[in-house]
Amino acid sequence: MEKNRNYQNLIRFLSLISGIGGFIFSFTNLYNIIDVIRFINTEGFTYIIKNIIGLIFTEIVILFSIRPNRPIPIHFALIGVIGFFIMIFSYFWCGFLLLIAGGIDLITRTGEKE
């Protein structure tokens, strides 16, 4: 019984950390959406959707982590971790797209000057 309680506390702690981390992470990279929309409209739209999904995941996990009396279901902890990784992936994908778009923009600008 004690092992099971420790296991649930560990899951609750990890999901709370991943939930709060994902929540903070999604707010820190929201400013990139404007640049992506300016360069590539469809990718900017999918980026917004990924952020919203990540926020919903983290909110669910935070709500389930705060309840101390009931054990947290394992699938909610997994959803929180998956949502966190989706946001990390979308952040790097956004930076990659901005790099490509900036490179194309630089190439087209240097072509215009000549």
PDB file of N, CA and C in Angstrom:
ATOM      1  N   MET A   1       0.832  -1.198   0.000  1.00  0.00           N
ATOM      2  CA  MET A   1       0.000   0.000   0.000  1.00  0.00           C
ATOM      3  C   MET A   1       0.872   1.255   0.000  1.00  0.00           C
ATOM      4  N   GLU A   2       1.941   1.229   0.778  1.00  0.00           N
ATOM      5  CA  GLU A   2       2.826   2.392   0.871  1.00  0.00           C
ATOM      6  C   GLU A   2       3.550   2.651  -0.441  1.00  0.00           C
ATOM      7  N   LYS A   3       3.946   1.553  -1.142  1.00  0.00           N
ATOM      8  CA  LYS A   3       4.606   1.720  -2.431  1.00  0.00           C
ATOM      9  C   LYS A   3       3.665   2.366  -3.438  1.00  0.00           C
ATOM     10  N   ASN A   4       2.411   1.938  -3.416  1.00  0.00           N
ATOM     11  CA  ASN A   4       1.423   2.485  -4.338  1.00  0.00           C
ATOM     12  C   ASN A   4       1.209   3.980  -4.084  1.00  0.00           C
ATOM     13  N   ARG A   5       1.179   4.372  -2.820  1.00  0.00           N
ATOM     14  CA  ARG A   5       1.003   5.788  -2.465  1.00  0.00           C
ATOM     15  C   ARG A   5       2.203   6.618  -2.930  1.00  0.00           C
ATOM     16  N   ASN A   6       3.419   6.084  -2.735  1.00  0.00           N
ATOM     17  CA  ASN A   6       4.616   6.791  -3.198  1.00  0.00           C
ATOM     18  C   ASN A   6       4.611   6.929  -4.716  1.00  0.00           C
ATOM     19  N   TYR A   7       4.168   5.871  -5.395  1.00  0.00           N
ATOM     20  CA  TYR A   7       4.080   5.885  -6.857  1.00  0.00           C
ATOM     21  C   TYR A   7       3.103   6.955  -7.336  1.00  0.00           C
ATOM     22  N   GLN A   8       1.943   7.055  -6.669  1.00  0.00           N
ATOM     23  CA  GLN A   8       0.954   8.072  -7.035  1.00  0.00           C
ATOM     24  C   GLN A   8       1.471   9.475  -6.754  1.00  0.00           C
ATOM     25  N   ASN A   9       2.192   9.639  -5.639  1.00  0.00           N
ATOM     26  CA  ASN A   9       2.767  10.954  -5.341  1.00  0.00           C
ATOM     27  C   ASN A   9       3.818  11.350  -6.370  1.00  0.00           C
ATOM     28  N   LEU A  10       4.604  10.380  -6.823  1.00  0.00           N
ATOM     29  CA  LEU A  10       5.608  10.651  -7.851  1.00  0.00           C
ATOM     30  C   LEU A  10       4.947  11.057  -9.161  1.00  0.00           C
ATOM     31  N   ILE A  11       3.900  10.330  -9.549  1.00  0.00           N
ATOM     32  CA  ILE A  11       3.166  10.668 -10.776  1.00  0.00           C
ATOM     33  C   ILE A  11       2.549  12.054 -10.652  1.00  0.00           C
ATOM     34  N   ARG A  12       1.962  12.338  -9.485  1.00  0.00           N
ATOM     35  CA  ARG A  12       1.339  13.650  -9.274  1.00  0.00           C
ATOM     36  C   ARG A  12       2.380  14.767  -9.370  1.00  0.00           C
ATOM     37  N   PHE A  13       3.550  14.546  -8.782  1.00  0.00           N
ATOM     38  CA  PHE A  13       4.612  15.552  -8.804  1.00  0.00           C
ATOM     39  C   PHE A  13       5.122  15.766 -10.235  1.00  0.00           C
ATOM     40  N   LEU A  14       5.388  14.658 -10.957  1.00  0.00           N
ATOM     41  CA  LEU A  14       5.900  14.779 -12.331  1.00  0.00           C
ATOM     42  C   LEU A  14       4.892  15.443 -13.247  1.00  0.00           C
ATOM     43  N   SER A  15       3.623  15.088 -13.109  1.00  0.00           N
ATOM     44  CA  SER A  15       2.608  15.687 -13.976  1.00  0.00           C
ATOM     45  C   SER A  15       2.417  17.164 -13.649  1.00  0.00           C
ATOM     46  N   LEU A  16       2.531  17.512 -12.359  1.00  0.00           N
ATOM     47  CA  LEU A  16       2.404  18.925 -11.985  1.00  0.00           C
ATOM     48  C   LEU A  16       3.564  19.734 -12.550  1.00  0.00           C
ATOM     49  N   ILE A  17       4.785  19.170 -12.464  1.00  0.00           N
ATOM     50  CA  ILE A  17       5.955  19.859 -13.010  1.00  0.00           C
ATOM     51  C   ILE A  17       5.826  20.015 -14.523  1.00  0.00           C
ATOM     52  N   SER A  18       5.445  18.933 -15.208  1.00  0.00           N
ATOM     53  CA  SER A  18       5.324  19.012 -16.668  1.00  0.00           C
ATOM     54  C   SER A  18       4.183  19.932 -17.074  1.00  0.00           C
ATOM     55  N   GLY A  19       3.107  19.924 -16.283  1.00  0.00           N
ATOM     56  CA  GLY A  19       1.980  20.795 -16.595  1.00  0.00           C
ATOM     57  C   GLY A  19       2.338  22.261 -16.441  1.00  0.00           C
ATOM     58  N   ILE A  20       2.940  22.610 -15.318  1.00  0.00           N
ATOM     59  CA  ILE A  20       3.330  24.006 -15.084  1.00  0.00           C
ATOM     60  C   ILE A  20       4.412  24.425 -16.078  1.00  0.00           C
ATOM     61  N   GLY A  21       5.375  23.514 -16.320  1.00  0.00           N
ATOM     62  CA  GLY A  21       6.432  23.828 -17.296  1.00  0.00           C
ATOM     63  C   GLY A  21       5.870  24.047 -18.678  1.00  0.00           C
ATOM     64  N   GLY A  22       4.942  23.187 -19.095  1.00  0.00           N
ATOM     65  CA  GLY A  22       4.320  23.359 -20.411  1.00  0.00           C
ATOM     66  C   GLY A  22       3.510  24.633 -20.489  1.00  0.00           C
ATOM     67  N   PHE A  23       2.826  24.973 -19.402  1.00  0.00           N
ATOM     68  CA  PHE A  23       2.015  26.192 -19.359  1.00  0.00           C
ATOM     69  C   PHE A  23       2.905  27.429 -19.524  1.00  0.00           C
ATOM     70  N   ILE A  24       4.005  27.475 -18.778  1.00  0.00           N
ATOM     71  CA  ILE A  24       4.943  28.603 -18.873  1.00  0.00           C
ATOM     72  C   ILE A  24       5.596  28.637 -20.260  1.00  0.00           C
ATOM     73  N   PHE A  25       5.994  27.453 -20.742  1.00  0.00           N
ATOM     74  CA  PHE A  25       6.680  27.352 -22.034  1.00  0.00           C
ATOM     75  C   PHE A  25       5.797  27.857 -23.158  1.00  0.00           C
ATOM     76  N   SER A  26       4.500  27.521 -23.111  1.00  0.00           N
ATOM     77  CA  SER A  26       3.607  27.938 -24.186  1.00  0.00           C
ATOM     78  C   SER A  26       3.408  29.452 -24.184  1.00  0.00           C
ATOM     79  N   PHE A  27       3.446  30.077 -23.001  1.00  0.00           N
ATOM     80  CA  PHE A  27       3.320  31.528 -22.964  1.00  0.00           C
ATOM     81  C   PHE A  27       4.602  32.225 -23.410  1.00  0.00           C
ATOM     82  N   THR A  28       5.766  31.600 -23.167  1.00  0.00           N
ATOM     83  CA  THR A  28       7.007  32.257 -23.560  1.00  0.00           C
ATOM     84  C   THR A  28       7.230  32.226 -25.059  1.00  0.00           C
ATOM     85  N   ASN A  29       6.619  31.257 -25.778  1.00  0.00           N
ATOM     86  CA  ASN A  29       6.868  31.207 -27.215  1.00  0.00           C
ATOM     87  C   ASN A  29       5.684  31.670 -28.048  1.00  0.00           C
ATOM     88  N   LEU A  30       4.672  32.279 -27.426  1.00  0.00           N
ATOM     89  CA  LEU A  30       3.511  32.748 -28.193  1.00  0.00           C
ATOM     90  C   LEU A  30       3.863  33.910 -29.123  1.00  0.00           C
ATOM     91  N   TYR A  31       4.904  34.663 -28.799  1.00  0.00           N
ATOM     92  CA  TYR A  31       5.237  35.828 -29.621  1.00  0.00           C
ATOM     93  C   TYR A  31       5.741  35.428 -31.011  1.00  0.00           C
ATOM     94  N   ASN A  32       6.208  34.187 -31.168  1.00  0.00           N
ATOM     95  CA  ASN A  32       6.684  33.734 -32.479  1.00  0.00           C
ATOM     96  C   ASN A  32       5.554  33.531 -33.474  1.00  0.00           C
ATOM     97  N   ILE A  33       4.319  33.422 -32.998  1.00  0.00           N
ATOM     98  CA  ILE A  33       3.187  33.154 -33.889  1.00  0.00           C
ATOM     99  C   ILE A  33       3.037  34.264 -34.928  1.00  0.00           C
ATOM    100  N   ILE A  34       3.248  35.512 -34.515  1.00  0.00           N
ATOM    101  CA  ILE A  34       3.054  36.649 -35.420  1.00  0.00           C
ATOM    102  C   ILE A  34       4.025  36.558 -36.601  1.00  0.00           C
ATOM    103  N   ASP A  35       5.294  36.225 -36.306  1.00  0.00           N
ATOM    104  CA  ASP A  35       6.283  36.110 -37.375  1.00  0.00           C
ATOM    105  C   ASP A  35       5.953  34.961 -38.309  1.00  0.00           C
ATOM    106  N   VAL A  36       5.496  33.846 -37.758  1.00  0.00           N
ATOM    107  CA  VAL A  36       5.169  32.694 -38.598  1.00  0.00           C
ATOM    108  C   VAL A  36       3.984  33.015 -39.491  1.00  0.00           C
ATOM    109  N   ILE A  37       2.970  33.683 -38.936  1.00  0.00           N
ATOM    110  CA  ILE A  37       1.798  34.050 -39.741  1.00  0.00           C
ATOM    111  C   ILE A  37       2.213  34.998 -40.858  1.00  0.00           C
ATOM    112  N   ARG A  38       3.131  35.903 -40.563  1.00  0.00           N
ATOM    113  CA  ARG A  38       3.583  36.841 -41.576  1.00  0.00           C
ATOM    114  C   ARG A  38       4.262  36.128 -42.743  1.00  0.00           C
ATOM    115  N   PHE A  39       5.052  35.090 -42.436  1.00  0.00           N
ATOM    116  CA  PHE A  39       5.781  34.380 -43.491  1.00  0.00           C
ATOM    117  C   PHE A  39       4.964  33.253 -44.102  1.00  0.00           C
ATOM    118  N   ILE A  40       4.440  32.363 -43.266  1.00  0.00           N
ATOM    119  CA  ILE A  40       3.773  31.157 -43.754  1.00  0.00           C
ATOM    120  C   ILE A  40       2.443  31.036 -43.023  1.00  0.00           C
ATOM    121  N   ASN A  41       1.352  31.312 -43.719  1.00  0.00           N
ATOM    122  CA  ASN A  41       0.048  31.415 -43.062  1.00  0.00           C
ATOM    123  C   ASN A  41      -0.433  30.096 -42.476  1.00  0.00           C
ATOM    124  N   THR A  42      -0.340  29.006 -43.232  1.00  0.00           N
ATOM    125  CA  THR A  42      -0.892  27.738 -42.749  1.00  0.00           C
ATOM    126  C   THR A  42      -0.103  27.205 -41.567  1.00  0.00           C
ATOM    127  N   GLU A  43       1.224  27.351 -41.592  1.00  0.00           N
ATOM    128  CA  GLU A  43       2.037  26.858 -40.476  1.00  0.00           C
ATOM    129  C   GLU A  43       1.768  27.665 -39.215  1.00  0.00           C
ATOM    130  N   GLY A  44       1.535  28.950 -39.372  1.00  0.00           N
ATOM    131  CA  GLY A  44       1.198  29.773 -38.212  1.00  0.00           C
ATOM    132  C   GLY A  44      -0.111  29.327 -37.578  1.00  0.00           C
ATOM    133  N   PHE A  45      -1.064  28.942 -38.421  1.00  0.00           N
ATOM    134  CA  PHE A  45      -2.364  28.473 -37.923  1.00  0.00           C
ATOM    135  C   PHE A  45      -2.208  27.168 -37.145  1.00  0.00           C
ATOM    136  N   THR A  46      -1.433  26.220 -37.694  1.00  0.00           N
ATOM    137  CA  THR A  46      -1.226  24.946 -36.985  1.00  0.00           C
ATOM    138  C   THR A  46      -0.451  25.171 -35.691  1.00  0.00           C
ATOM    139  N   TYR A  47       0.442  26.154 -35.696  1.00  0.00           N
ATOM    140  CA  TYR A  47       1.211  26.471 -34.486  1.00  0.00           C
ATOM    141  C   TYR A  47       0.303  26.977 -33.373  1.00  0.00           C
ATOM    142  N   ILE A  48      -0.658  27.828 -33.742  1.00  0.00           N
ATOM    143  CA  ILE A  48      -1.624  28.325 -32.759  1.00  0.00           C
ATOM    144  C   ILE A  48      -2.436  27.165 -32.194  1.00  0.00           C
ATOM    145  N   ILE A  49      -2.878  26.253 -33.071  1.00  0.00           N
ATOM    146  CA  ILE A  49      -3.666  25.103 -32.619  1.00  0.00           C
ATOM    147  C   ILE A  49      -2.851  24.242 -31.660  1.00  0.00           C
ATOM    148  N   LYS A  50      -1.561  24.015 -31.984  1.00  0.00           N
ATOM    149  CA  LYS A  50      -0.704  23.211 -31.099  1.00  0.00           C
ATOM    150  C   LYS A  50      -0.567  23.868 -29.728  1.00  0.00           C
ATOM    151  N   ASN A  51      -0.421  25.186 -29.709  1.00  0.00           N
ATOM    152  CA  ASN A  51      -0.306  25.881 -28.425  1.00  0.00           C
ATOM    153  C   ASN A  51      -1.582  25.776 -27.610  1.00  0.00           C
ATOM    154  N   ILE A  52      -2.729  25.913 -28.283  1.00  0.00           N
ATOM    155  CA  ILE A  52      -4.011  25.827 -27.574  1.00  0.00           C
ATOM    156  C   ILE A  52      -4.206  24.420 -27.008  1.00  0.00           C
ATOM    157  N   ILE A  53      -3.879  23.386 -27.815  1.00  0.00           N
ATOM    158  CA  ILE A  53      -3.999  22.004 -27.346  1.00  0.00           C
ATOM    159  C   ILE A  53      -3.075  21.782 -26.151  1.00  0.00           C
ATOM    160  N   GLY A  54      -1.843  22.304 -26.238  1.00  0.00           N
ATOM    161  CA  GLY A  54      -0.904  22.168 -25.127  1.00  0.00           C
ATOM    162  C   GLY A  54      -1.401  22.849 -23.866  1.00  0.00           C
ATOM    163  N   LEU A  55      -2.013  24.032 -24.014  1.00  0.00           N
ATOM    164  CA  LEU A  55      -2.556  24.734 -22.854  1.00  0.00           C
ATOM    165  C   LEU A  55      -3.697  23.947 -22.212  1.00  0.00           C
ATOM    166  N   ILE A  56      -4.562  23.360 -23.054  1.00  0.00           N
ATOM    167  CA  ILE A  56      -5.672  22.562 -22.519  1.00  0.00           C
ATOM    168  C   ILE A  56      -5.129  21.353 -21.760  1.00  0.00           C
ATOM    169  N   PHE A  57      -4.123  20.662 -22.352  1.00  0.00           N
ATOM    170  CA  PHE A  57      -3.516  19.509 -21.690  1.00  0.00           C
ATOM    171  C   PHE A  57      -2.945  19.898 -20.333  1.00  0.00           C
ATOM    172  N   THR A  58      -2.188  20.998 -20.311  1.00  0.00           N
ATOM    173  CA  THR A  58      -1.542  21.383 -19.056  1.00  0.00           C
ATOM    174  C   THR A  58      -2.556  21.818 -18.011  1.00  0.00           C
ATOM    175  N   GLU A  59      -3.631  22.476 -18.452  1.00  0.00           N
ATOM    176  CA  GLU A  59      -4.673  22.871 -17.495  1.00  0.00           C
ATOM    177  C   GLU A  59      -5.325  21.640 -16.878  1.00  0.00           C
ATOM    178  N   ILE A  60      -5.618  20.621 -17.686  1.00  0.00           N
ATOM    179  CA  ILE A  60      -6.219  19.385 -17.178  1.00  0.00           C
ATOM    180  C   ILE A  60      -5.293  18.738 -16.154  1.00  0.00           C
ATOM    181  N   VAL A  61      -4.007  18.667 -16.505  1.00  0.00           N
ATOM    182  CA  VAL A  61      -3.054  18.008 -15.610  1.00  0.00           C
ATOM    183  C   VAL A  61      -2.897  18.784 -14.310  1.00  0.00           C
ATOM    184  N   ILE A  62      -2.845  20.119 -14.387  1.00  0.00           N
ATOM    185  CA  ILE A  62      -2.725  20.923 -13.164  1.00  0.00           C
ATOM    186  C   ILE A  62      -3.956  20.730 -12.283  1.00  0.00           C
ATOM    187  N   LEU A  63      -5.138  20.700 -12.888  1.00  0.00           N
ATOM    188  CA  LEU A  63      -6.360  20.511 -12.100  1.00  0.00           C
ATOM    189  C   LEU A  63      -6.369  19.149 -11.406  1.00  0.00           C
ATOM    190  N   PHE A  64      -5.922  18.103 -12.118  1.00  0.00           N
ATOM    191  CA  PHE A  64      -5.924  16.774 -11.513  1.00  0.00           C
ATOM    192  C   PHE A  64      -4.789  16.611 -10.503  1.00  0.00           C
ATOM    193  N   SER A  65      -3.716  17.382 -10.658  1.00  0.00           N
ATOM    194  CA  SER A  65      -2.593  17.259  -9.731  1.00  0.00           C
ATOM    195  C   SER A  65      -2.884  17.944  -8.403  1.00  0.00           C
ATOM    196  N   ILE A  66      -3.677  18.986  -8.438  1.00  0.00           N
ATOM    197  CA  ILE A  66      -3.917  19.766  -7.220  1.00  0.00           C
ATOM    198  C   ILE A  66      -4.814  18.998  -6.242  1.00  0.00           C
ATOM    199  N   ARG A  67      -5.709  18.141  -6.754  1.00  0.00           N
ATOM    200  CA  ARG A  67      -6.615  17.400  -5.859  1.00  0.00           C
ATOM    201  C   ARG A  67      -5.815  16.399  -5.025  1.00  0.00           C
ATOM    202  N   PRO A  68      -5.673  16.615  -3.731  1.00  0.00           N
ATOM    203  CA  PRO A  68      -4.775  15.762  -2.940  1.00  0.00           C
ATOM    204  C   PRO A  68      -5.387  14.421  -2.528  1.00  0.00           C
ATOM    205  N   ASN A  69      -6.712  14.347  -2.392  1.00  0.00           N
ATOM    206  CA  ASN A  69      -7.328  13.144  -1.824  1.00  0.00           C
ATOM    207  C   ASN A  69      -7.448  12.007  -2.831  1.00  0.00           C
ATOM    208  N   ARG A  70      -7.717  12.335  -4.084  1.00  0.00           N
ATOM    209  CA  ARG A  70      -7.923  11.294  -5.086  1.00  0.00           C
ATOM    210  C   ARG A  70      -6.629  11.029  -5.835  1.00  0.00           C
ATOM    211  N   PRO A  71      -6.380   9.776  -6.201  1.00  0.00           N
ATOM    212  CA  PRO A  71      -5.175   9.484  -6.989  1.00  0.00           C
ATOM    213  C   PRO A  71      -5.324   9.994  -8.424  1.00  0.00           C
ATOM    214  N   ILE A  72      -4.232  10.462  -8.974  1.00  0.00           N
ATOM    215  CA  ILE A  72      -4.259  10.975 -10.346  1.00  0.00           C
ATOM    216  C   ILE A  72      -4.207   9.796 -11.322  1.00  0.00           C
ATOM    217  N   PRO A  73      -5.068   9.786 -12.326  1.00  0.00           N
ATOM    218  CA  PRO A  73      -4.993   8.710 -13.328  1.00  0.00           C
ATOM    219  C   PRO A  73      -3.711   8.815 -14.146  1.00  0.00           C
ATOM    220  N   ILE A  74      -3.147   7.667 -14.489  1.00  0.00           N
ATOM    221  CA  ILE A  74      -1.865   7.651 -15.207  1.00  0.00           C
ATOM    222  C   ILE A  74      -1.997   8.280 -16.589  1.00  0.00           C
ATOM    223  N   HIS A  75      -3.160   8.138 -17.229  1.00  0.00           N
ATOM    224  CA  HIS A  75      -3.275   8.682 -18.586  1.00  0.00           C
ATOM    225  C   HIS A  75      -3.271  10.206 -18.585  1.00  0.00           C
ATOM    226  N   PHE A  76      -3.714  10.827 -17.502  1.00  0.00           N
ATOM    227  CA  PHE A  76      -3.643  12.284 -17.442  1.00  0.00           C
ATOM    228  C   PHE A  76      -2.197  12.759 -17.295  1.00  0.00           C
ATOM    229  N   ALA A  77      -1.409  11.998 -16.543  1.00  0.00           N
ATOM    230  CA  ALA A  77       0.010  12.334 -16.439  1.00  0.00           C
ATOM    231  C   ALA A  77       0.693  12.193 -17.799  1.00  0.00           C
ATOM    232  N   LEU A  78       0.347  11.137 -18.517  1.00  0.00           N
ATOM    233  CA  LEU A  78       0.923  10.934 -19.859  1.00  0.00           C
ATOM    234  C   LEU A  78       0.486  12.030 -20.818  1.00  0.00           C
ATOM    235  N   ILE A  79      -0.786  12.441 -20.727  1.00  0.00           N
ATOM    236  CA  ILE A  79      -1.280  13.522 -21.589  1.00  0.00           C
ATOM    237  C   ILE A  79      -0.502  14.810 -21.318  1.00  0.00           C
ATOM    238  N   GLY A  80      -0.231  15.091 -20.044  1.00  0.00           N
ATOM    239  CA  GLY A  80       0.538  16.292 -19.710  1.00  0.00           C
ATOM    240  C   GLY A  80       1.939  16.253 -20.279  1.00  0.00           C
ATOM    241  N   VAL A  81       2.603  15.105 -20.179  1.00  0.00           N
ATOM    242  CA  VAL A  81       3.959  14.974 -20.714  1.00  0.00           C
ATOM    243  C   VAL A  81       3.947  15.085 -22.240  1.00  0.00           C
ATOM    244  N   ILE A  82       2.955  14.429 -22.881  1.00  0.00           N
ATOM    245  CA  ILE A  82       2.850  14.496 -24.348  1.00  0.00           C
ATOM    246  C   ILE A  82       2.586  15.932 -24.793  1.00  0.00           C
ATOM    247  N   GLY A  83       1.684  16.634 -24.075  1.00  0.00           N
ATOM    248  CA  GLY A  83       1.406  18.033 -24.413  1.00  0.00           C
ATOM    249  C   GLY A  83       2.646  18.907 -24.279  1.00  0.00           C
ATOM    250  N   PHE A  84       3.456  18.635 -23.254  1.00  0.00           N
ATOM    251  CA  PHE A  84       4.692  19.389 -23.057  1.00  0.00           C
ATOM    252  C   PHE A  84       5.646  19.167 -24.232  1.00  0.00           C
ATOM    253  N   PHE A  85       5.800  17.901 -24.670  1.00  0.00           N
ATOM    254  CA  PHE A  85       6.691  17.617 -25.794  1.00  0.00           C
ATOM    255  C   PHE A  85       6.149  18.167 -27.109  1.00  0.00           C
ATOM    256  N   ILE A  86       4.819  18.202 -27.272  1.00  0.00           N
ATOM    257  CA  ILE A  86       4.232  18.816 -28.468  1.00  0.00           C
ATOM    258  C   ILE A  86       4.615  20.289 -28.531  1.00  0.00           C
ATOM    259  N   MET A  87       4.585  20.969 -27.371  1.00  0.00           N
ATOM    260  CA  MET A  87       4.924  22.386 -27.368  1.00  0.00           C
ATOM    261  C   MET A  87       6.407  22.613 -27.641  1.00  0.00           C
ATOM    262  N   ILE A  88       7.270  21.747 -27.099  1.00  0.00           N
ATOM    263  CA  ILE A  88       8.699  21.877 -27.392  1.00  0.00           C
ATOM    264  C   ILE A  88       8.944  21.665 -28.884  1.00  0.00           C
ATOM    265  N   PHE A  89       8.293  20.625 -29.442  1.00  0.00           N
ATOM    266  CA  PHE A  89       8.459  20.341 -30.874  1.00  0.00           C
ATOM    267  C   PHE A  89       7.952  21.507 -31.717  1.00  0.00           C
ATOM    268  N   SER A  90       6.787  22.066 -31.354  1.00  0.00           N
ATOM    269  CA  SER A  90       6.235  23.166 -32.141  1.00  0.00           C
ATOM    270  C   SER A  90       7.121  24.403 -32.035  1.00  0.00           C
ATOM    271  N   TYR A  91       7.770  24.576 -30.874  1.00  0.00           N
ATOM    272  CA  TYR A  91       8.664  25.718 -30.710  1.00  0.00           C
ATOM    273  C   TYR A  91       9.862  25.620 -31.658  1.00  0.00           C
ATOM    274  N   PHE A  92      10.496  24.424 -31.689  1.00  0.00           N
ATOM    275  CA  PHE A  92      11.655  24.256 -32.569  1.00  0.00           C
ATOM    276  C   PHE A  92      11.247  24.250 -34.033  1.00  0.00           C
ATOM    277  N   TRP A  93      10.083  23.672 -34.343  1.00  0.00           N
ATOM    278  CA  TRP A  93       9.586  23.667 -35.722  1.00  0.00           C
ATOM    279  C   TRP A  93       9.319  25.093 -36.186  1.00  0.00           C
ATOM    280  N   CYS A  94       8.775  25.921 -35.289  1.00  0.00           N
ATOM    281  CA  CYS A  94       8.531  27.327 -35.601  1.00  0.00           C
ATOM    282  C   CYS A  94       9.840  28.048 -35.895  1.00  0.00           C
ATOM    283  N   GLY A  95      10.863  27.809 -35.073  1.00  0.00           N
ATOM    284  CA  GLY A  95      12.165  28.431 -35.309  1.00  0.00           C
ATOM    285  C   GLY A  95      12.787  27.972 -36.617  1.00  0.00           C
ATOM    286  N   PHE A  96      12.618  26.695 -36.947  1.00  0.00           N
ATOM    287  CA  PHE A  96      13.137  26.144 -38.205  1.00  0.00           C
ATOM    288  C   PHE A  96      12.459  26.801 -39.397  1.00  0.00           C
ATOM    289  N   LEU A  97      11.133  26.953 -39.319  1.00  0.00           N
ATOM    290  CA  LEU A  97      10.397  27.597 -40.411  1.00  0.00           C
ATOM    291  C   LEU A  97      10.801  29.060 -40.562  1.00  0.00           C
ATOM    292  N   LEU A  98      10.999  29.735 -39.436  1.00  0.00           N
ATOM    293  CA  LEU A  98      11.427  31.134 -39.505  1.00  0.00           C
ATOM    294  C   LEU A  98      12.819  31.248 -40.121  1.00  0.00           C
ATOM    295  N   LEU A  99      13.680  30.283 -39.822  1.00  0.00           N
ATOM    296  CA  LEU A  99      15.024  30.273 -40.409  1.00  0.00           C
ATOM    297  C   LEU A  99      14.947  30.120 -41.924  1.00  0.00           C
ATOM    298  N   ILE A 100      14.127  29.180 -42.388  1.00  0.00           N
ATOM    299  CA  ILE A 100      13.959  28.970 -43.836  1.00  0.00           C
ATOM    300  C   ILE A 100      13.348  30.208 -44.489  1.00  0.00           C
ATOM    301  N   ALA A 101      12.280  30.733 -43.870  1.00  0.00           N
ATOM    302  CA  ALA A 101      11.604  31.899 -44.445  1.00  0.00           C
ATOM    303  C   ALA A 101      12.536  33.108 -44.460  1.00  0.00           C
ATOM    304  N   GLY A 102      13.322  33.275 -43.396  1.00  0.00           N
ATOM    305  CA  GLY A 102      14.278  34.383 -43.368  1.00  0.00           C
ATOM    306  C   GLY A 102      15.359  34.215 -44.425  1.00  0.00           C
ATOM    307  N   GLY A 103      15.806  32.968 -44.638  1.00  0.00           N
ATOM    308  CA  GLY A 103      16.806  32.714 -45.686  1.00  0.00           C
ATOM    309  C   GLY A 103      16.260  33.004 -47.066  1.00  0.00           C
ATOM    310  N   ILE A 104      15.013  32.590 -47.326  1.00  0.00           N
ATOM    311  CA  ILE A 104      14.387  32.869 -48.628  1.00  0.00           C
ATOM    312  C   ILE A 104      14.226  34.371 -48.806  1.00  0.00           C
ATOM    313  N   ASP A 105      13.805  35.055 -47.757  1.00  0.00           N
ATOM    314  CA  ASP A 105      13.630  36.500 -47.805  1.00  0.00           C
ATOM    315  C   ASP A 105      14.957  37.196 -48.090  1.00  0.00           C
ATOM    316  N   LEU A 106      16.042  36.708 -47.456  1.00  0.00           N
ATOM    317  CA  LEU A 106      17.372  37.287 -47.670  1.00  0.00           C
ATOM    318  C   LEU A 106      17.840  37.071 -49.108  1.00  0.00           C
ATOM    319  N   ILE A 107      17.606  35.871 -49.631  1.00  0.00           N
ATOM    320  CA  ILE A 107      18.011  35.565 -51.014  1.00  0.00           C
ATOM    321  C   ILE A 107      17.245  36.439 -52.003  1.00  0.00           C
ATOM    322  N   THR A 108      15.943  36.595 -51.797  1.00  0.00           N
ATOM    323  CA  THR A 108      15.148  37.405 -52.724  1.00  0.00           C
ATOM    324  C   THR A 108      15.517  38.882 -52.609  1.00  0.00           C
ATOM    325  N   ARG A 109      15.863  39.349 -51.440  1.00  0.00           N
ATOM    326  CA  ARG A 109      16.259  40.754 -51.285  1.00  0.00           C
ATOM    327  C   ARG A 109      17.595  41.037 -51.965  1.00  0.00           C
ATOM    328  N   THR A 110      18.562  40.122 -51.826  1.00  0.00           N
ATOM    329  CA  THR A 110      19.855  40.342 -52.469  1.00  0.00           C
ATOM    330  C   THR A 110      19.708  40.276 -53.979  1.00  0.00           C
ATOM    331  N   GLY A 111      18.757  39.481 -54.468  1.00  0.00           N
ATOM    332  CA  GLY A 111      18.509  39.427 -55.917  1.00  0.00           C
ATOM    333  C   GLY A 111      17.926  40.725 -56.425  1.00  0.00           C
ATOM    334  N   GLU A 112      17.109  41.397 -55.603  1.00  0.00           N
ATOM    335  CA  GLU A 112      16.489  42.650 -56.024  1.00  0.00           C
ATOM    336  C   GLU A 112      17.507  43.780 -56.092  1.00  0.00           C
ATOM    337  N   LYS A 113      18.509  43.765 -55.213  1.00  0.00           N
ATOM    338  CA  LYS A 113      19.477  44.859 -55.176  1.00  0.00           C
ATOM    339  C   LYS A 113      20.361  44.873 -56.420  1.00  0.00           C
ATOM    340  N   GLU A 114      20.616  43.705 -56.984  1.00  0.00           N
ATOM    341  CA  GLU A 114      21.517  43.650 -58.143  1.00  0.00           C
ATOM    342  C   GLU A 114      20.878  44.072 -59.404  1.00  0.00           C
TER     343      GLU A 114
END
